[in-house]
Amino acid sequence: MKKNLFPRLAALALALTLALTGCASAPVSGSASVPVSSAPSAGASAPASEAGGLTLTDQAGRTVELAAPAKTVVSGYYISTYAVLALGKADAIVGLEKKADTRSLYQMAAPELIEKPGVGTMKELDTEAVAALEPDLVILPAALVDYADTLDGLGIPSLVVAPESHEALVEMIGLLGRALGAEDAAAALTGYYDEQLARMAALTEGADKPTVYMASNSSYMSCAPAGMYQNYLIETAGGVNAAASLEGDYWTEVSYEDILAMAPDVIVVPSGAEYTAADLLADAQLAGVPAVESGKVYQMPAGLEEWDSPIPSGILGCLWLTSVLHPEEYPFEQFTADAANFYQTFYGFAVDESLITK
């Protein structure tokens, strides 16, 4: 049963007082992270209590008790908000991350979310605003894990999620499915992933594997090394990452000489790039790169979502790249139809197919 707002605000005032005296957890600056690999499997043990509640293990390894599946939620992270939508629980969202009006998906799938209160960013959470919404559950990204203790003190359960890989994304969807009473929807979504992954493996079996250079959003002079999600995307699509030998798990700067030595067959410009494929093709210093010579520089669709990241629709990034690398086995027209079907099935809207480009 929900607590009244006034006791929660009183608890919040106490929590803030304790924070000032050094007795409470301080908000993180955005640098905190919780490696999924070091935490128990989220929701691995989720027995119902005698009172019919839920016991969940989140992706920070925290044990979370819910009296019942959450009917109202605050999501402080766009990826978890996307997941709540994909699970058919848009009506449960009472607050979400700030700048929701910049997310094309919300405008297409659930425009009413744009009017909901914005309660935080990847660097901070407005706990007073959260308390005023009286949610049954708050979903936090790993960067905001320190706020979980404050929310506990307010009597507000929270789940920490960290979908940094495909496997962690699947884990998060299962966790949210249990927390929201949407297990069937979660199983349908992750089942779709399994089907498409098997399909791509069959389509590309025995085919040549082009070398792919995945450029970053800020510059085509930085790329994705093997430690990034984009490496998974390339390999799943039947390609070889041109930068697989580079160390690190973040965009890595390279020189023109490096790109020439990598000799990629295909260059991919991500959805959120601050430049265009035409800019890259016009760079005379890249003239000797095979992908440039053959014109095989492709930009991911910019008007939908960033499919080169571990979001619920990230599987479309794998399918998109499969159609680019293996057009004979998987024509782009088929991918377009598949993408439209995905949005209709899991987000409930008919996508404008003119937005699906390459």
Protein backbone atom coordinates (compact mmCIF):
# COMPACT_ATOMS: atom_id res chain seq x y z
CA MET A 1 0.00 0.00 0.00
CA LYS A 2 1.33 3.42 -0.88
CA LYS A 3 2.47 5.72 1.91
CA ASN A 4 1.13 9.24 2.10
CA LEU A 5 3.25 11.95 0.56
CA PHE A 6 3.91 13.86 3.82
CA PRO A 7 5.71 11.04 5.64
CA ARG A 8 7.82 10.47 2.52
CA LEU A 9 8.78 14.12 2.32
CA ALA A 10 9.60 14.12 6.03
CA ALA A 11 11.81 11.11 5.48
CA LEU A 12 13.40 12.89 2.56
CA ALA A 13 14.19 15.89 4.76
CA LEU A 14 15.79 13.56 7.31
CA ALA A 15 17.79 11.82 4.58
CA LEU A 16 19.07 15.15 3.29
CA THR A 17 20.01 16.25 6.83
CA LEU A 18 21.96 13.07 7.33
CA ALA A 19 23.67 13.57 3.98
CA LEU A 20 24.88 17.00 5.10
CA THR A 21 26.44 15.49 8.23
CA GLY A 22 28.16 12.78 6.24
CA CYS A 23 25.89 9.96 7.37
CA ALA A 24 24.07 9.39 4.07
CA SER A 25 25.23 8.34 0.63
CA ALA A 26 26.18 11.25 -1.58
CA PRO A 27 24.78 11.48 -5.13
CA VAL A 28 27.17 10.16 -7.74
CA SER A 29 28.66 12.42 -10.37
CA GLY A 30 27.85 10.01 -13.18
CA SER A 31 31.09 8.02 -12.95
CA ALA A 32 29.74 5.21 -10.80
CA SER A 33 29.26 1.88 -12.51
CA VAL A 34 28.31 -1.62 -11.49
CA PRO A 35 29.78 -4.33 -13.74
CA VAL A 36 27.06 -6.83 -14.56
CA SER A 37 29.61 -9.63 -14.57
CA SER A 38 30.33 -9.08 -10.84
CA ALA A 39 26.68 -9.13 -9.76
CA PRO A 40 24.40 -12.10 -9.29
CA SER A 41 22.08 -12.79 -12.17
CA ALA A 42 19.26 -10.25 -11.96
CA GLY A 43 16.11 -11.84 -10.70
CA ALA A 44 17.81 -15.24 -10.65
CA SER A 45 16.05 -15.96 -7.38
CA ALA A 46 12.64 -14.37 -7.35
CA PRO A 47 10.35 -16.39 -5.09
CA ALA A 48 6.98 -15.05 -4.04
CA SER A 49 6.76 -14.20 -0.36
CA GLU A 50 4.03 -15.55 1.88
CA ALA A 51 2.13 -12.29 1.36
CA GLY A 52 2.29 -12.73 -2.41
CA GLY A 53 5.08 -10.22 -2.95
CA LEU A 54 8.21 -10.44 -5.06
CA THR A 55 11.86 -10.75 -4.18
CA LEU A 56 14.15 -9.67 -7.02
CA THR A 57 17.89 -9.31 -7.50
CA ASP A 58 18.73 -6.28 -9.60
CA GLN A 59 21.75 -5.75 -11.85
CA ALA A 60 23.74 -4.20 -9.01
CA GLY A 61 23.28 -7.39 -6.99
CA ARG A 62 20.79 -5.74 -4.62
CA THR A 63 17.84 -7.62 -3.16
CA VAL A 64 14.61 -5.75 -3.83
CA GLU A 65 11.27 -6.52 -2.20
CA LEU A 66 7.97 -5.57 -3.84
CA ALA A 67 4.60 -6.08 -2.18
CA ALA A 68 3.15 -6.78 -5.64
CA PRO A 69 4.05 -6.11 -9.28
CA ALA A 70 4.47 -2.35 -9.68
CA LYS A 71 1.52 -0.46 -11.13
CA THR A 72 3.27 2.93 -11.21
CA VAL A 73 6.93 3.48 -12.05
CA VAL A 74 9.49 6.22 -12.44
CA SER A 75 12.23 5.45 -14.96
CA GLY A 76 15.39 7.52 -14.66
CA TYR A 77 17.01 6.07 -17.77
CA TYR A 78 15.84 6.19 -21.37
CA ILE A 79 16.77 2.57 -22.06
CA SER A 80 14.66 1.32 -19.18
CA THR A 81 11.85 3.65 -20.30
CA TYR A 82 12.06 2.13 -23.78
CA ALA A 83 11.86 -1.31 -22.19
CA VAL A 84 8.78 -0.42 -20.13
CA LEU A 85 7.12 0.73 -23.36
CA ALA A 86 8.09 -2.46 -25.18
CA LEU A 87 6.53 -4.48 -22.36
CA GLY A 88 3.22 -2.73 -22.91
CA LYS A 89 3.35 -0.75 -19.66
CA ALA A 90 3.40 2.86 -20.92
CA ASP A 91 0.43 3.68 -18.70
CA ALA A 92 2.46 2.76 -15.62
CA ILE A 93 5.05 5.50 -16.19
CA VAL A 94 4.40 8.52 -13.95
CA GLY A 95 7.85 10.11 -14.34
CA LEU A 96 10.92 9.62 -16.50
CA GLU A 97 14.27 11.04 -17.49
CA LYS A 98 14.55 14.68 -18.52
CA LYS A 99 14.51 15.84 -22.16
CA ALA A 100 11.94 13.22 -23.11
CA ASP A 101 10.82 15.51 -25.93
CA THR A 102 14.10 14.82 -27.75
CA ARG A 103 13.33 11.10 -28.05
CA SER A 104 11.69 10.28 -31.36
CA LEU A 105 10.39 6.98 -30.05
CA TYR A 106 8.22 8.67 -27.42
CA GLN A 107 6.71 10.98 -30.01
CA MET A 108 5.75 7.99 -32.15
CA ALA A 109 4.84 5.36 -29.57
CA ALA A 110 3.61 7.26 -26.50
CA PRO A 111 3.48 11.04 -26.98
CA GLU A 112 1.79 11.46 -23.60
CA LEU A 113 5.14 10.67 -21.96
CA ILE A 114 6.55 13.97 -23.15
CA GLU A 115 4.21 15.73 -20.69
CA LYS A 116 5.22 13.55 -17.74
CA PRO A 117 7.55 15.02 -15.09
CA GLY A 118 11.26 14.79 -15.83
CA VAL A 119 13.03 13.68 -12.67
CA GLY A 120 16.67 13.19 -13.52
CA THR A 121 19.64 12.66 -15.80
CA MET A 122 22.48 10.17 -15.94
CA LYS A 123 24.26 12.35 -13.35
CA GLU A 124 21.57 13.08 -10.79
CA LEU A 125 18.07 12.24 -9.61
CA ASP A 126 15.57 14.67 -8.10
CA THR A 127 14.47 12.51 -5.18
CA GLU A 128 11.99 15.10 -3.92
CA ALA A 129 10.22 15.09 -7.30
CA VAL A 130 10.25 11.28 -7.30
CA ALA A 131 8.72 11.14 -3.82
CA ALA A 132 5.95 13.52 -4.89
CA LEU A 133 4.92 11.05 -7.61
CA GLU A 134 4.55 8.22 -5.05
CA PRO A 135 5.65 5.46 -7.45
CA ASP A 136 5.53 1.77 -6.60
CA LEU A 137 8.99 1.40 -8.17
CA VAL A 138 11.90 3.51 -9.43
CA ILE A 139 14.21 2.17 -12.14
CA LEU A 140 17.76 3.56 -11.92
CA PRO A 141 20.77 3.25 -14.23
CA ALA A 142 23.96 1.94 -12.64
CA ALA A 143 25.42 5.45 -12.66
CA LEU A 144 22.76 6.48 -10.11
CA VAL A 145 23.12 3.47 -7.82
CA ASP A 146 23.98 5.68 -4.85
CA TYR A 147 20.44 7.09 -4.89
CA ALA A 148 19.01 3.67 -4.09
CA ASP A 149 19.76 4.08 -0.38
CA THR A 150 18.00 7.45 -0.29
CA LEU A 151 14.95 5.95 -1.98
CA ASP A 152 14.98 3.04 0.47
CA GLY A 153 14.85 5.58 3.28
CA LEU A 154 11.75 7.07 1.70
CA GLY A 155 10.09 3.67 1.49
CA ILE A 156 10.33 3.63 -2.32
CA PRO A 157 11.68 0.41 -3.87
CA SER A 158 14.21 0.80 -6.67
CA LEU A 159 15.81 -1.47 -9.25
CA VAL A 160 19.26 -0.73 -10.64
CA VAL A 161 19.77 -1.79 -14.26
CA ALA A 162 22.92 -1.96 -16.37
CA PRO A 163 22.12 -3.05 -19.96
CA GLU A 164 25.66 -2.67 -21.31
CA SER A 165 25.59 -5.75 -23.55
CA HIS A 166 23.01 -7.86 -25.35
CA GLU A 167 23.08 -10.41 -22.55
CA ALA A 168 22.61 -7.72 -19.90
CA LEU A 169 19.78 -6.20 -21.94
CA VAL A 170 17.98 -9.55 -22.01
CA GLU A 171 18.54 -9.88 -18.28
CA MET A 172 17.10 -6.40 -17.68
CA ILE A 173 14.00 -7.13 -19.75
CA GLY A 174 13.34 -10.29 -17.76
CA LEU A 175 13.84 -8.41 -14.51
CA LEU A 176 11.43 -5.64 -15.52
CA GLY A 177 8.95 -8.19 -16.79
CA ARG A 178 8.76 -9.72 -13.32
CA ALA A 179 8.73 -6.37 -11.53
CA LEU A 180 5.86 -5.05 -13.68
CA GLY A 181 3.85 -8.24 -13.96
CA ALA A 182 4.64 -8.44 -17.67
CA GLU A 183 6.44 -11.77 -17.85
CA ASP A 184 4.66 -12.87 -21.03
CA ALA A 185 5.57 -9.66 -22.85
CA ALA A 186 9.19 -9.97 -21.70
CA ALA A 187 9.33 -13.58 -22.94
CA ALA A 188 7.88 -12.53 -26.30
CA LEU A 189 10.49 -9.80 -26.74
CA THR A 190 13.49 -11.88 -25.74
CA GLY A 191 12.11 -14.79 -27.75
CA TYR A 192 12.07 -12.51 -30.79
CA TYR A 193 15.74 -11.77 -30.18
CA ASP A 194 16.56 -15.48 -30.11
CA GLU A 195 14.66 -16.10 -33.33
CA GLN A 196 16.39 -13.27 -35.17
CA LEU A 197 19.85 -14.17 -33.92
CA ALA A 198 19.36 -17.74 -35.16
CA ARG A 199 18.04 -16.37 -38.45
CA MET A 200 21.07 -14.12 -38.98
CA ALA A 201 23.45 -16.95 -38.17
CA ALA A 202 21.74 -19.12 -40.78
CA LEU A 203 21.67 -16.35 -43.39
CA THR A 204 25.36 -15.58 -43.06
CA GLU A 205 26.67 -19.10 -42.59
CA GLY A 206 29.44 -19.74 -45.09
CA ALA A 207 29.27 -16.21 -46.50
CA ASP A 208 32.29 -13.94 -46.84
CA LYS A 209 32.76 -11.68 -43.82
CA PRO A 210 33.43 -8.06 -44.83
CA THR A 211 35.68 -5.96 -42.61
CA VAL A 212 33.63 -3.19 -40.99
CA TYR A 213 34.80 0.11 -39.52
CA MET A 214 32.22 1.49 -37.07
CA ALA A 215 32.79 5.22 -36.63
CA SER A 216 31.73 7.20 -33.56
CA ASN A 217 29.10 9.89 -33.22
CA SER A 218 31.57 12.72 -32.73
CA SER A 219 34.10 11.93 -35.46
CA TYR A 220 34.91 9.32 -38.07
CA MET A 221 38.47 9.51 -36.76
CA SER A 222 37.44 7.41 -33.76
CA CYS A 223 35.95 3.93 -33.86
CA ALA A 224 34.59 1.02 -31.81
CA PRO A 225 37.19 -1.46 -30.45
CA ALA A 226 36.39 -5.06 -29.55
CA GLY A 227 35.22 -4.15 -26.05
CA MET A 228 32.18 -2.18 -27.23
CA TYR A 229 28.63 -3.28 -27.98
CA GLN A 230 29.20 -2.25 -31.60
CA ASN A 231 31.67 -5.12 -31.97
CA TYR A 232 28.83 -7.52 -31.07
CA LEU A 233 26.62 -5.86 -33.68
CA ILE A 234 29.26 -6.30 -36.39
CA GLU A 235 29.98 -9.92 -35.58
CA THR A 236 26.31 -10.84 -35.27
CA ALA A 237 25.68 -9.35 -38.71
CA GLY A 238 28.36 -11.55 -40.27
CA GLY A 239 31.21 -9.07 -40.37
CA VAL A 240 34.67 -8.58 -38.87
CA ASN A 241 35.44 -5.51 -36.78
CA ALA A 242 38.27 -3.58 -38.42
CA ALA A 243 39.26 -2.25 -35.00
CA ALA A 244 39.05 -5.55 -33.12
CA SER A 245 42.74 -5.38 -32.22
CA LEU A 246 42.32 -2.09 -30.36
CA GLU A 247 42.05 -2.23 -26.59
CA GLY A 248 39.41 -0.52 -24.52
CA ASP A 249 35.65 -0.36 -24.19
CA TYR A 250 35.04 3.13 -25.49
CA TRP A 251 35.45 5.05 -28.75
CA THR A 252 39.14 5.09 -29.67
CA GLU A 253 40.85 7.78 -31.71
CA VAL A 254 42.83 6.63 -34.75
CA SER A 255 44.89 8.24 -37.48
CA TYR A 256 44.37 8.27 -41.23
CA GLU A 257 47.25 5.81 -41.47
CA ASP A 258 45.46 3.49 -39.06
CA ILE A 259 42.28 3.51 -41.14
CA LEU A 260 44.23 2.89 -44.35
CA ALA A 261 45.98 -0.05 -42.65
CA MET A 262 42.66 -1.46 -41.42
CA ALA A 263 41.41 -1.34 -45.02
CA PRO A 264 37.71 -1.76 -44.15
CA ASP A 265 35.37 -3.04 -46.85
CA VAL A 266 32.46 -1.18 -45.26
CA ILE A 267 32.26 1.94 -43.08
CA VAL A 268 29.24 2.56 -40.88
CA VAL A 269 28.24 6.01 -39.66
CA PRO A 270 26.03 5.78 -36.55
CA SER A 271 22.57 7.32 -36.20
CA GLY A 272 23.64 10.13 -33.91
CA ALA A 273 26.70 11.22 -35.91
CA GLU A 274 27.57 14.91 -36.05
CA TYR A 275 28.71 14.43 -39.66
CA THR A 276 27.40 12.55 -42.69
CA ALA A 277 28.51 9.71 -44.91
CA ALA A 278 29.01 12.34 -47.64
CA ASP A 279 31.49 14.19 -45.41
CA LEU A 280 33.52 11.03 -44.96
CA LEU A 281 33.44 10.16 -48.66
CA ALA A 282 34.67 13.67 -49.50
CA ASP A 283 37.75 13.39 -47.28
CA ALA A 284 40.65 13.08 -49.73
CA GLN A 285 42.86 11.47 -47.10
CA LEU A 286 40.55 8.44 -47.06
CA ALA A 287 40.53 8.02 -50.84
CA GLY A 288 42.58 4.81 -50.68
CA VAL A 289 40.27 3.02 -48.22
CA PRO A 290 38.42 0.14 -49.96
CA ALA A 291 35.03 1.19 -48.50
CA VAL A 292 35.50 4.71 -49.82
CA GLU A 293 36.70 3.53 -53.22
CA SER A 294 33.64 1.32 -53.62
CA GLY A 295 31.21 3.81 -52.07
CA LYS A 296 30.28 1.38 -49.30
CA VAL A 297 29.87 4.00 -46.59
CA TYR A 298 26.47 3.71 -44.95
CA GLN A 299 24.67 5.78 -42.34
CA MET A 300 22.28 4.14 -39.91
CA PRO A 301 18.76 5.63 -39.90
CA ALA A 302 18.76 8.91 -38.01
CA GLY A 303 15.05 9.51 -37.41
CA LEU A 304 14.16 6.55 -35.18
CA GLU A 305 16.53 5.29 -32.51
CA GLU A 306 20.24 4.63 -32.16
CA TRP A 307 20.28 0.97 -33.16
CA ASP A 308 24.02 0.67 -32.52
CA SER A 309 23.40 0.57 -28.76
CA PRO A 310 21.91 -2.03 -26.38
CA ILE A 311 18.32 -0.79 -26.41
CA PRO A 312 15.21 -2.98 -26.79
CA SER A 313 15.24 -2.35 -30.56
CA GLY A 314 18.99 -2.92 -30.82
CA ILE A 315 18.28 -6.20 -32.58
CA LEU A 316 17.23 -4.03 -35.53
CA GLY A 317 20.77 -2.71 -35.69
CA CYS A 318 22.02 -6.25 -36.16
CA LEU A 319 19.40 -6.91 -38.83
CA TRP A 320 20.10 -3.58 -40.56
CA LEU A 321 23.81 -4.32 -40.78
CA THR A 322 23.13 -7.87 -41.98
CA SER A 323 21.14 -6.42 -44.87
CA VAL A 324 23.99 -4.00 -45.65
CA LEU A 325 26.75 -6.62 -45.53
CA HIS A 326 24.78 -9.47 -47.11
CA PRO A 327 22.18 -7.95 -49.45
CA GLU A 328 21.82 -11.12 -51.50
CA GLU A 329 20.97 -13.21 -48.47
CA TYR A 330 18.87 -10.53 -46.76
CA PRO A 331 17.54 -7.78 -49.08
CA PHE A 332 17.03 -4.34 -47.56
CA GLU A 333 13.36 -4.42 -48.56
CA GLN A 334 12.89 -7.46 -46.32
CA PHE A 335 14.65 -5.70 -43.46
CA THR A 336 12.37 -2.68 -43.88
CA ALA A 337 9.32 -4.92 -43.56
CA ASP A 338 10.83 -6.66 -40.53
CA ALA A 339 11.60 -3.36 -38.81
CA ALA A 340 8.07 -2.08 -39.43
CA ASN A 341 6.67 -5.31 -37.98
CA PHE A 342 8.86 -4.97 -34.90
CA TYR A 343 7.57 -1.49 -34.07
CA GLN A 344 3.99 -2.49 -34.68
CA THR A 345 4.30 -5.63 -32.54
CA PHE A 346 6.26 -4.29 -29.57
CA TYR A 347 5.52 -0.57 -29.58
CA GLY A 348 2.08 -0.51 -31.17
CA PHE A 349 2.56 2.03 -33.93
CA ALA A 350 3.03 1.99 -37.70
CA VAL A 351 6.49 3.35 -38.42
CA ASP A 352 7.05 5.72 -41.34
CA GLU A 353 9.09 3.42 -43.57
CA SER A 354 10.77 6.39 -45.26
CA LEU A 355 12.76 6.75 -42.03
CA ILE A 356 14.33 3.32 -42.54
CA THR A 357 17.36 4.15 -44.66
CA LYS A 358 20.92 3.10 -45.32
